[in-house]
Amino acid sequence: MVEIAMDDLAGIPQDNWIQVQFDALLEEPAVQGLRIGEFCGVDNPQMFAESVAKFIEPDFVFEKKVYPTETEWNAINPMIEQVRERIGFV
């Protein structure tokens, strides 16, 4: 799915989209909120960033965790690593 999205984005000028890593959004909501607000051209990006920081719970815990078996992990990990490399998350 991410691979399809990345392929589709390759046909769109890079100035027209922004990439936000979910981990970064949880770890630095104000920083990422400011990036998003500036990209979207909101009237007050700083206030937008502050709202994002208040909205995202810093101690957020996923309610549902999925742990793949070793066999499943061995099957999907190469795909995950390809995508991580492609988006610069290595």
N, C-alpha and C. Protein backbone atom coordinates (compact mmCIF):
# COMPACT_ATOMS: atom_id res chain seq x y z
N MET A 1 0.82 -1.19 0.00
CA MET A 1 0.00 0.00 0.00
C MET A 1 0.87 1.26 0.00
N VAL A 2 1.88 1.30 0.87
CA VAL A 2 2.78 2.46 0.91
C VAL A 2 3.53 2.58 -0.41
N GLU A 3 3.93 1.44 -0.95
CA GLU A 3 4.65 1.41 -2.22
C GLU A 3 3.79 2.04 -3.33
N ILE A 4 2.52 1.71 -3.36
CA ILE A 4 1.60 2.27 -4.35
C ILE A 4 1.50 3.79 -4.17
N ALA A 5 1.36 4.21 -2.93
CA ALA A 5 1.26 5.64 -2.65
C ALA A 5 2.54 6.37 -3.09
N MET A 6 3.70 5.79 -2.79
CA MET A 6 4.96 6.41 -3.19
C MET A 6 5.08 6.49 -4.71
N ASP A 7 4.65 5.44 -5.39
CA ASP A 7 4.67 5.46 -6.86
C ASP A 7 3.74 6.56 -7.40
N ASP A 8 2.56 6.67 -6.79
CA ASP A 8 1.61 7.70 -7.22
C ASP A 8 2.16 9.10 -6.96
N LEU A 9 2.81 9.29 -5.80
CA LEU A 9 3.36 10.59 -5.47
C LEU A 9 4.49 11.00 -6.41
N ALA A 10 5.17 10.03 -6.99
CA ALA A 10 6.27 10.34 -7.91
C ALA A 10 5.77 11.15 -9.11
N GLY A 11 4.50 11.04 -9.43
CA GLY A 11 3.93 11.78 -10.56
C GLY A 11 3.38 13.14 -10.18
N ILE A 12 3.48 13.50 -8.91
CA ILE A 12 2.96 14.79 -8.42
C ILE A 12 4.15 15.66 -8.03
N PRO A 13 4.14 16.93 -8.41
CA PRO A 13 5.25 17.80 -8.00
C PRO A 13 5.45 17.75 -6.48
N GLN A 14 6.71 17.65 -6.06
CA GLN A 14 7.01 17.46 -4.64
C GLN A 14 6.54 18.64 -3.78
N ASP A 15 6.38 19.81 -4.38
CA ASP A 15 5.88 20.96 -3.61
C ASP A 15 4.41 20.83 -3.26
N ASN A 16 3.72 19.84 -3.85
CA ASN A 16 2.29 19.67 -3.64
C ASN A 16 1.93 18.62 -2.60
N TRP A 17 2.91 18.01 -1.95
CA TRP A 17 2.61 17.02 -0.93
C TRP A 17 3.68 17.05 0.15
N ILE A 18 3.32 16.51 1.30
CA ILE A 18 4.23 16.47 2.44
C ILE A 18 4.22 15.05 3.01
N GLN A 19 5.36 14.61 3.45
CA GLN A 19 5.47 13.30 4.08
C GLN A 19 5.64 13.49 5.58
N VAL A 20 4.78 12.85 6.35
CA VAL A 20 4.85 12.93 7.81
C VAL A 20 4.93 11.51 8.34
N GLN A 21 5.95 11.26 9.12
CA GLN A 21 6.08 9.93 9.72
C GLN A 21 5.27 9.90 11.00
N PHE A 22 4.46 8.86 11.13
CA PHE A 22 3.57 8.74 12.28
C PHE A 22 4.34 8.78 13.58
N ASP A 23 5.49 8.09 13.62
CA ASP A 23 6.33 8.08 14.84
C ASP A 23 6.73 9.51 15.22
N ALA A 24 7.15 10.28 14.22
CA ALA A 24 7.58 11.66 14.48
C ALA A 24 6.41 12.50 14.97
N LEU A 25 5.22 12.26 14.42
CA LEU A 25 4.04 13.00 14.84
C LEU A 25 3.73 12.73 16.32
N LEU A 26 3.90 11.49 16.75
CA LEU A 26 3.66 11.16 18.16
C LEU A 26 4.77 11.69 19.06
N GLU A 27 6.01 11.66 18.57
CA GLU A 27 7.16 12.07 19.39
C GLU A 27 7.30 13.59 19.45
N GLU A 28 7.01 14.29 18.36
CA GLU A 28 7.17 15.74 18.29
C GLU A 28 5.95 16.39 17.65
N PRO A 29 4.81 16.30 18.32
CA PRO A 29 3.59 16.79 17.68
C PRO A 29 3.64 18.27 17.31
N ALA A 30 4.24 19.11 18.14
CA ALA A 30 4.29 20.55 17.82
C ALA A 30 5.16 20.81 16.60
N VAL A 31 6.30 20.13 16.53
CA VAL A 31 7.22 20.32 15.39
C VAL A 31 6.55 19.86 14.10
N GLN A 32 5.95 18.68 14.14
CA GLN A 32 5.30 18.16 12.94
C GLN A 32 4.04 18.96 12.61
N GLY A 33 3.33 19.40 13.63
CA GLY A 33 2.15 20.23 13.42
C GLY A 33 2.52 21.54 12.73
N LEU A 34 3.65 22.12 13.13
CA LEU A 34 4.10 23.36 12.49
C LEU A 34 4.44 23.10 11.02
N ARG A 35 5.12 21.99 10.74
CA ARG A 35 5.43 21.63 9.35
C ARG A 35 4.16 21.51 8.52
N ILE A 36 3.18 20.80 9.09
CA ILE A 36 1.92 20.57 8.37
C ILE A 36 1.18 21.89 8.18
N GLY A 37 1.10 22.69 9.24
CA GLY A 37 0.40 23.97 9.16
C GLY A 37 1.03 24.91 8.13
N GLU A 38 2.36 24.95 8.12
CA GLU A 38 3.05 25.80 7.14
C GLU A 38 2.82 25.28 5.73
N PHE A 39 2.89 23.96 5.57
CA PHE A 39 2.68 23.38 4.25
C PHE A 39 1.28 23.68 3.73
N CYS A 40 0.30 23.58 4.61
CA CYS A 40 -1.10 23.79 4.20
C CYS A 40 -1.47 25.26 4.11
N GLY A 41 -0.60 26.12 4.57
CA GLY A 41 -0.86 27.56 4.48
C GLY A 41 -1.94 28.04 5.43
N VAL A 42 -2.04 27.40 6.61
CA VAL A 42 -3.04 27.89 7.57
C VAL A 42 -2.66 29.30 8.02
N ASP A 43 -3.64 30.07 8.47
CA ASP A 43 -3.41 31.47 8.84
C ASP A 43 -2.39 31.62 9.97
N ASN A 44 -2.45 30.73 10.95
CA ASN A 44 -1.54 30.83 12.09
C ASN A 44 -0.92 29.45 12.34
N PRO A 45 0.18 29.14 11.65
CA PRO A 45 0.79 27.81 11.80
C PRO A 45 1.21 27.49 13.23
N GLN A 46 1.65 28.51 13.97
CA GLN A 46 2.09 28.26 15.35
C GLN A 46 0.91 27.82 16.22
N MET A 47 -0.22 28.49 16.08
CA MET A 47 -1.41 28.12 16.84
C MET A 47 -1.89 26.72 16.41
N PHE A 48 -1.81 26.45 15.13
CA PHE A 48 -2.16 25.12 14.63
C PHE A 48 -1.27 24.07 15.29
N ALA A 49 0.04 24.34 15.35
CA ALA A 49 0.99 23.40 15.95
C ALA A 49 0.68 23.18 17.43
N GLU A 50 0.32 24.24 18.12
CA GLU A 50 -0.03 24.12 19.54
C GLU A 50 -1.29 23.27 19.71
N SER A 51 -2.23 23.44 18.82
CA SER A 51 -3.46 22.63 18.87
C SER A 51 -3.15 21.16 18.62
N VAL A 52 -2.26 20.91 17.67
CA VAL A 52 -1.85 19.53 17.39
C VAL A 52 -1.21 18.92 18.63
N ALA A 53 -0.31 19.68 19.26
CA ALA A 53 0.40 19.18 20.44
C ALA A 53 -0.57 18.87 21.59
N LYS A 54 -1.61 19.68 21.72
CA LYS A 54 -2.60 19.43 22.78
C LYS A 54 -3.49 18.23 22.43
N PHE A 55 -3.75 18.06 21.14
CA PHE A 55 -4.64 16.99 20.69
C PHE A 55 -3.99 15.62 20.80
N ILE A 56 -2.70 15.54 20.51
CA ILE A 56 -2.00 14.25 20.51
C ILE A 56 -1.52 13.95 21.92
N GLU A 57 -2.04 12.92 22.48
CA GLU A 57 -1.71 12.48 23.83
C GLU A 57 -0.29 11.93 23.85
N PRO A 58 0.62 12.53 24.65
CA PRO A 58 2.01 12.06 24.64
C PRO A 58 2.19 10.63 25.14
N ASP A 59 1.28 10.16 25.95
CA ASP A 59 1.40 8.79 26.47
C ASP A 59 0.46 7.84 25.74
N PHE A 60 0.09 8.20 24.51
CA PHE A 60 -0.81 7.38 23.71
C PHE A 60 -0.27 5.96 23.58
N VAL A 61 -1.12 5.00 23.86
CA VAL A 61 -0.77 3.59 23.72
C VAL A 61 -1.78 2.97 22.77
N PHE A 62 -1.27 2.28 21.77
CA PHE A 62 -2.17 1.61 20.85
C PHE A 62 -2.99 0.59 21.63
N GLU A 63 -4.28 0.56 21.36
CA GLU A 63 -5.15 -0.40 22.05
C GLU A 63 -4.99 -1.80 21.50
N LYS A 64 -4.61 -1.87 20.26
CA LYS A 64 -4.53 -3.17 19.62
C LYS A 64 -3.12 -3.36 19.06
N LYS A 65 -2.44 -4.35 19.54
CA LYS A 65 -1.10 -4.63 19.05
C LYS A 65 -1.11 -5.97 18.34
N VAL A 66 -0.41 -6.01 17.25
CA VAL A 66 -0.32 -7.24 16.46
C VAL A 66 1.13 -7.64 16.41
N TYR A 67 1.41 -8.82 16.85
CA TYR A 67 2.76 -9.33 16.81
C TYR A 67 2.82 -10.49 15.83
N PRO A 68 3.49 -10.28 14.69
CA PRO A 68 3.57 -11.37 13.71
C PRO A 68 4.43 -12.52 14.23
N THR A 69 4.11 -13.69 13.77
CA THR A 69 4.95 -14.84 14.10
C THR A 69 6.29 -14.67 13.40
N GLU A 70 7.28 -15.46 13.75
CA GLU A 70 8.59 -15.36 13.12
C GLU A 70 8.49 -15.61 11.61
N THR A 71 7.69 -16.57 11.22
CA THR A 71 7.50 -16.86 9.80
C THR A 71 6.87 -15.68 9.08
N GLU A 72 5.83 -15.09 9.68
CA GLU A 72 5.18 -13.92 9.08
C GLU A 72 6.16 -12.75 8.99
N TRP A 73 6.92 -12.53 10.06
CA TRP A 73 7.88 -11.43 10.08
C TRP A 73 8.93 -11.62 8.98
N ASN A 74 9.42 -12.83 8.83
CA ASN A 74 10.42 -13.09 7.79
C ASN A 74 9.85 -12.84 6.39
N ALA A 75 8.57 -13.03 6.23
CA ALA A 75 7.93 -12.81 4.93
C ALA A 75 7.71 -11.32 4.65
N ILE A 76 7.35 -10.54 5.68
CA ILE A 76 7.02 -9.14 5.45
C ILE A 76 8.19 -8.18 5.67
N ASN A 77 9.17 -8.57 6.45
CA ASN A 77 10.27 -7.65 6.77
C ASN A 77 11.01 -7.12 5.54
N PRO A 78 11.30 -7.92 4.52
CA PRO A 78 11.97 -7.36 3.34
C PRO A 78 11.15 -6.24 2.67
N MET A 79 9.83 -6.39 2.65
CA MET A 79 8.98 -5.35 2.07
C MET A 79 9.04 -4.08 2.93
N ILE A 80 9.00 -4.27 4.23
CA ILE A 80 9.04 -3.13 5.15
C ILE A 80 10.36 -2.37 4.99
N GLU A 81 11.45 -3.11 4.91
CA GLU A 81 12.76 -2.47 4.78
C GLU A 81 12.89 -1.71 3.47
N GLN A 82 12.33 -2.24 2.39
CA GLN A 82 12.35 -1.53 1.11
C GLN A 82 11.64 -0.18 1.22
N VAL A 83 10.49 -0.20 1.84
CA VAL A 83 9.71 1.03 2.00
C VAL A 83 10.44 2.00 2.92
N ARG A 84 10.99 1.49 4.01
CA ARG A 84 11.74 2.35 4.94
C ARG A 84 12.90 3.04 4.24
N GLU A 85 13.61 2.30 3.41
CA GLU A 85 14.72 2.88 2.65
C GLU A 85 14.20 3.94 1.69
N ARG A 86 13.13 3.62 1.00
CA ARG A 86 12.60 4.53 -0.01
C ARG A 86 12.14 5.86 0.58
N ILE A 87 11.58 5.82 1.79
CA ILE A 87 11.12 7.07 2.41
C ILE A 87 12.18 7.69 3.32
N GLY A 88 13.36 7.08 3.36
CA GLY A 88 14.46 7.65 4.14
C GLY A 88 14.33 7.44 5.63
N PHE A 89 13.73 6.38 6.03
CA PHE A 89 13.50 6.09 7.45
C PHE A 89 14.36 4.91 7.87
N VAL A 90 15.67 5.08 7.75
CA VAL A 90 16.61 4.01 8.10
C VAL A 90 17.62 4.49 9.08
